[in-house]
Protein backbone atom coordinates (compact mmCIF):
# COMPACT_ATOMS: atom_id res chain seq x y z
CA PRO A 1 109.94 -142.33 64.58
CA SER A 2 108.95 -144.24 61.42
CA GLN A 3 112.15 -146.33 61.53
CA ILE A 4 111.65 -149.94 62.62
CA SER A 5 114.00 -152.76 63.57
CA LEU A 6 113.28 -156.13 61.97
CA GLN A 7 114.44 -158.78 64.42
CA TYR A 8 114.73 -162.57 64.25
CA SER A 9 114.55 -165.08 67.05
CA ARG A 10 117.52 -167.32 67.84
CA PHE A 11 118.18 -169.35 70.98
CA GLY A 12 115.47 -167.51 72.88
CA SER A 13 116.60 -163.95 72.16
CA TRP A 14 115.92 -161.37 69.46
CA HIS A 15 118.54 -159.99 67.07
CA HIS A 16 118.41 -156.98 64.74
CA THR A 17 118.81 -157.91 61.07
CA CYS A 18 117.32 -155.08 58.97
CA GLY A 19 115.70 -151.69 59.09
CA GLY A 20 112.36 -150.70 57.65
CA THR A 21 109.85 -147.86 57.59
CA LEU A 22 106.33 -147.64 59.00
CA ILE A 23 104.20 -146.24 56.15
CA ALA A 24 100.72 -146.94 57.59
CA LEU A 25 99.48 -148.09 60.99
CA GLN A 26 99.67 -151.76 59.97
CA TRP A 27 102.25 -151.71 57.17
CA VAL A 28 106.06 -151.58 57.05
CA LEU A 29 108.14 -150.97 53.92
CA MET A 30 111.48 -152.77 53.62
CA ALA A 31 113.86 -154.58 51.28
CA ALA A 32 112.95 -157.97 49.81
CA HIS A 33 116.38 -159.38 50.64
CA CYS A 34 115.66 -158.93 54.36
CA ILE A 35 112.91 -161.55 54.36
CA SER A 36 113.40 -165.31 54.66
CA ASN A 37 110.36 -167.58 54.91
CA SER A 38 111.98 -169.98 57.34
CA ILE A 39 112.70 -167.42 60.07
CA MET A 40 110.47 -166.07 62.85
CA TYR A 41 110.51 -162.26 62.94
CA ARG A 42 109.10 -159.40 64.93
CA VAL A 43 108.98 -155.67 64.20
CA VAL A 44 110.09 -153.24 66.91
CA LEU A 45 108.86 -149.66 66.62
CA GLY A 46 109.78 -146.50 68.52
CA LYS A 47 113.31 -147.71 69.26
CA GLN A 48 116.48 -145.70 69.79
CA ASP A 49 118.62 -148.07 71.85
CA LEU A 50 118.53 -151.74 70.84
CA LEU A 51 120.10 -152.81 74.15
CA THR A 52 117.24 -151.39 76.24
CA ASP A 53 114.50 -154.01 76.24
CA ASP A 54 111.77 -151.98 77.91
CA GLU A 55 112.56 -148.65 76.27
CA PRO A 56 109.74 -146.13 76.91
CA GLY A 57 107.62 -145.50 73.82
CA SER A 58 108.72 -148.64 71.97
CA VAL A 59 106.56 -151.65 71.06
CA ALA A 60 107.24 -155.06 69.53
CA VAL A 61 104.66 -156.45 67.11
CA GLY A 62 104.37 -159.75 65.27
CA MET A 63 103.91 -160.04 61.52
CA GLU A 64 100.67 -161.16 59.86
CA LYS A 65 102.19 -161.58 56.39
CA THR A 66 105.01 -160.46 54.13
CA ILE A 67 104.55 -159.48 50.50
CA VAL A 68 107.74 -159.55 48.46
CA HIS A 69 107.66 -157.87 45.04
CA GLU A 70 106.71 -160.55 42.49
CA LYS A 71 109.63 -159.54 40.25
CA TRP A 72 112.26 -159.48 42.99
CA ASN A 73 115.50 -160.77 41.45
CA SER A 74 118.25 -161.51 43.97
CA LEU A 75 120.91 -162.13 41.32
CA VAL A 76 120.84 -158.60 39.92
CA ILE A 77 119.14 -157.02 42.96
CA LEU A 78 116.13 -155.77 41.01
CA ASN A 79 112.79 -154.79 42.60
CA ASN A 80 114.30 -155.12 46.08
CA ILE A 81 111.14 -154.12 47.92
CA ALA A 82 108.73 -155.82 50.28
CA LEU A 83 105.80 -154.94 52.50
CA VAL A 84 105.08 -156.40 55.92
CA LYS A 85 101.58 -156.39 57.34
CA LEU A 86 101.76 -156.17 61.12
CA ALA A 87 99.68 -158.49 63.28
CA GLU A 88 97.87 -155.44 64.64
CA GLU A 89 97.61 -151.72 64.03
CA VAL A 90 100.01 -149.62 66.05
CA GLU A 91 99.06 -146.35 67.70
CA GLU A 92 100.90 -143.23 66.59
CA SER A 93 102.69 -141.44 69.39
CA GLU A 94 105.66 -139.17 70.05
CA THR A 95 107.97 -142.08 69.25
CA ILE A 96 105.99 -143.86 66.50
CA TRP A 97 104.45 -142.40 63.39
CA ALA A 98 104.08 -143.29 59.73
CA ALA A 99 106.36 -141.81 57.11
CA TYR A 100 105.21 -139.88 54.07
CA LEU A 101 105.79 -141.39 50.64
CA PRO A 102 106.98 -139.41 47.61
CA ASP A 103 104.90 -138.69 44.53
CA THR A 104 105.00 -141.32 41.79
CA ASP A 105 108.21 -141.14 39.74
CA LYS A 106 109.76 -138.31 41.74
CA ILE A 107 113.48 -138.08 40.89
CA LEU A 108 115.96 -136.59 43.36
CA PRO A 109 118.31 -134.01 41.84
CA ASN A 110 122.05 -134.64 42.05
CA ASN A 111 123.51 -133.68 45.44
CA TYR A 112 120.10 -133.35 47.10
CA PRO A 113 120.64 -133.71 50.87
CA CYS A 114 119.10 -136.87 52.32
CA TYR A 115 119.69 -138.92 55.45
CA VAL A 116 120.10 -142.66 55.94
CA THR A 117 119.23 -144.06 59.36
CA GLY A 118 119.83 -147.43 60.93
CA TRP A 119 121.53 -149.71 63.41
CA GLY A 120 123.97 -151.09 60.82
CA ARG A 121 127.69 -151.58 61.33
CA ILE A 122 129.46 -148.41 62.47
CA ARG A 123 132.42 -149.26 60.19
CA THR A 124 133.30 -151.95 57.67
CA ASN A 125 133.37 -155.31 59.50
CA GLY A 126 132.72 -153.42 62.74
CA PRO A 127 129.99 -154.00 65.33
CA LEU A 128 126.33 -153.11 64.84
CA ALA A 129 125.27 -149.83 66.41
CA ASP A 130 123.28 -149.97 69.67
CA ILE A 131 121.88 -146.45 69.25
CA LEU A 132 120.04 -145.47 66.06
CA GLN A 133 122.49 -143.63 63.78
CA GLN A 134 121.88 -141.13 61.03
CA ALA A 135 124.16 -139.89 58.27
CA LEU A 136 123.86 -137.20 55.62
CA LEU A 137 124.09 -138.82 52.18
CA PRO A 138 123.66 -136.47 49.19
CA ALA A 139 121.79 -138.05 46.28
CA VAL A 140 123.78 -139.07 43.21
CA ASP A 141 121.88 -138.89 39.92
CA TYR A 142 121.52 -141.92 37.65
CA GLU A 143 123.77 -140.40 35.00
CA THR A 144 126.65 -140.28 37.49
CA CYS A 145 125.93 -143.48 39.38
CA SER A 146 125.73 -145.56 36.19
CA LYS A 147 129.19 -144.44 34.96
CA TRP A 148 131.49 -147.40 34.41
CA ASP A 149 133.79 -146.52 37.31
CA TRP A 150 130.84 -145.94 39.69
CA TRP A 151 128.19 -148.71 39.67
CA GLY A 152 127.88 -149.07 35.91
CA SER A 153 125.11 -151.39 34.71
CA LEU A 154 124.45 -152.70 38.23
CA VAL A 155 122.20 -149.71 38.84
CA ASN A 156 119.07 -148.91 36.91
CA THR A 157 116.48 -146.16 36.95
CA THR A 158 114.37 -147.83 39.68
CA MET A 159 117.23 -147.17 42.11
CA VAL A 160 118.62 -144.14 43.93
CA CYS A 161 122.29 -143.72 44.78
CA ALA A 162 123.60 -141.55 47.61
CA SER A 163 127.04 -140.34 48.70
CA GLY A 164 130.06 -142.26 47.38
CA ASP A 165 132.51 -139.81 48.94
CA GLY A 166 134.47 -142.68 50.52
CA ILE A 167 133.77 -141.37 54.02
CA ILE A 168 130.10 -141.79 54.93
CA SER A 169 127.75 -144.57 53.80
CA GLY A 170 125.19 -147.11 54.83
CA CYS A 171 126.56 -150.48 55.99
CA ASN A 172 125.51 -154.06 56.81
CA GLY A 173 122.47 -153.99 59.07
CA ASP A 174 121.11 -150.75 57.58
CA SER A 175 119.45 -152.77 54.78
CA GLY A 176 115.74 -152.20 54.36
CA GLY A 177 115.89 -148.89 56.19
CA PRO A 178 115.00 -145.48 54.82
CA LEU A 179 116.65 -142.73 52.84
CA ASN A 180 114.78 -139.72 54.20
CA CYS A 181 114.70 -136.48 52.25
CA GLN A 182 113.04 -133.19 53.16
CA CYS A 183 110.73 -131.61 50.58
CA ASP A 184 110.46 -127.90 49.82
CA ASP A 185 107.36 -127.71 52.05
CA GLY A 186 109.34 -129.06 55.01
CA ILE A 187 107.79 -132.55 55.01
CA TRP A 188 110.17 -135.51 55.27
CA GLU A 189 109.61 -138.38 52.85
CA VAL A 190 111.07 -141.86 52.55
CA ASP A 191 112.60 -141.75 49.07
CA GLY A 192 114.74 -144.87 49.25
CA ILE A 193 115.11 -148.33 50.82
CA VAL A 194 118.68 -149.41 51.60
CA SER A 195 119.42 -152.12 49.01
CA PHE A 196 123.14 -152.71 48.49
CA GLY A 197 126.65 -151.29 48.71
CA SER A 198 130.17 -152.44 48.00
CA SER A 199 130.95 -155.93 49.31
CA LEU A 200 134.56 -154.87 49.86
CA SER A 201 134.03 -151.85 52.05
CA CYS A 202 130.96 -149.89 53.11
CA ASN A 203 132.42 -146.47 52.35
CA MET A 204 134.28 -146.94 49.08
CA ILE A 205 134.73 -143.89 46.90
CA LYS A 206 132.52 -143.93 43.78
CA LYS A 207 130.52 -146.81 45.26
CA PRO A 208 127.53 -145.01 46.78
CA THR A 209 124.97 -146.75 48.93
CA VAL A 210 122.25 -147.91 46.52
CA PHE A 211 118.58 -147.69 47.43
CA THR A 212 115.37 -148.96 45.89
CA ARG A 213 113.65 -145.81 44.57
CA VAL A 214 110.33 -145.70 46.43
CA SER A 215 108.71 -143.35 43.89
CA ALA A 216 109.02 -146.09 41.24
CA TYR A 217 106.82 -148.41 43.32
CA ILE A 218 103.94 -146.23 44.54
CA ASP A 219 101.50 -148.04 42.22
CA TRP A 220 102.69 -151.42 43.55
CA ILE A 221 102.31 -150.26 47.17
CA ASN A 222 98.77 -149.13 46.35
CA GLU A 223 97.97 -152.42 44.58
CA VAL A 224 99.02 -154.37 47.66
CA GLY A 225 96.59 -152.20 49.62
CA ALA A 226 99.03 -150.82 52.14
CA LEU A 227 97.74 -147.27 51.83
CA SER A 228 94.00 -147.95 51.59
């Protein structure tokens, strides 16, 4: 219910481009690489089926402003995080509610079970999903993910890796969306933002989906004022 679809307008219709997460009634967390200043966007909340325009419980909202991390570096995919302020506050409901954020600097243990969700491609070079998908992606610790035959120096400690089994992964169109993990107390948190994967194939072995680690940016989110 906290998953959103970021959509852009082209030739009079709206198209899904990225995922994101509602973290407050007027704020959405997503990846910096999803945002382009020259494009008109809207945020759709409470969606399951992208093909159903008037889906019960879903709303489409314009964007007041986007705040991309000031140290976002697209060459090395560092600080791939952005916040979107919605044009108006949304009302929480059965289909729409804000996600919980992790504690500052929380690190997921290796193999911790988490889920990626999104409307990204259902296979490499395949079509986008119409219905919101979810997949179990166990966390991969930094020590493993930074091995030379995994992601090596392309990952750093402000990122989270997940899966890499060569079978299940995030894919194009999932970008910006959440890695959701359940805490010991039963609460689900958004621990990651889909950032990048292999350009050759979505589900390559030893090439996990890489996420921006949300717990590394709690201070930044607070500075922007998204949680006040």
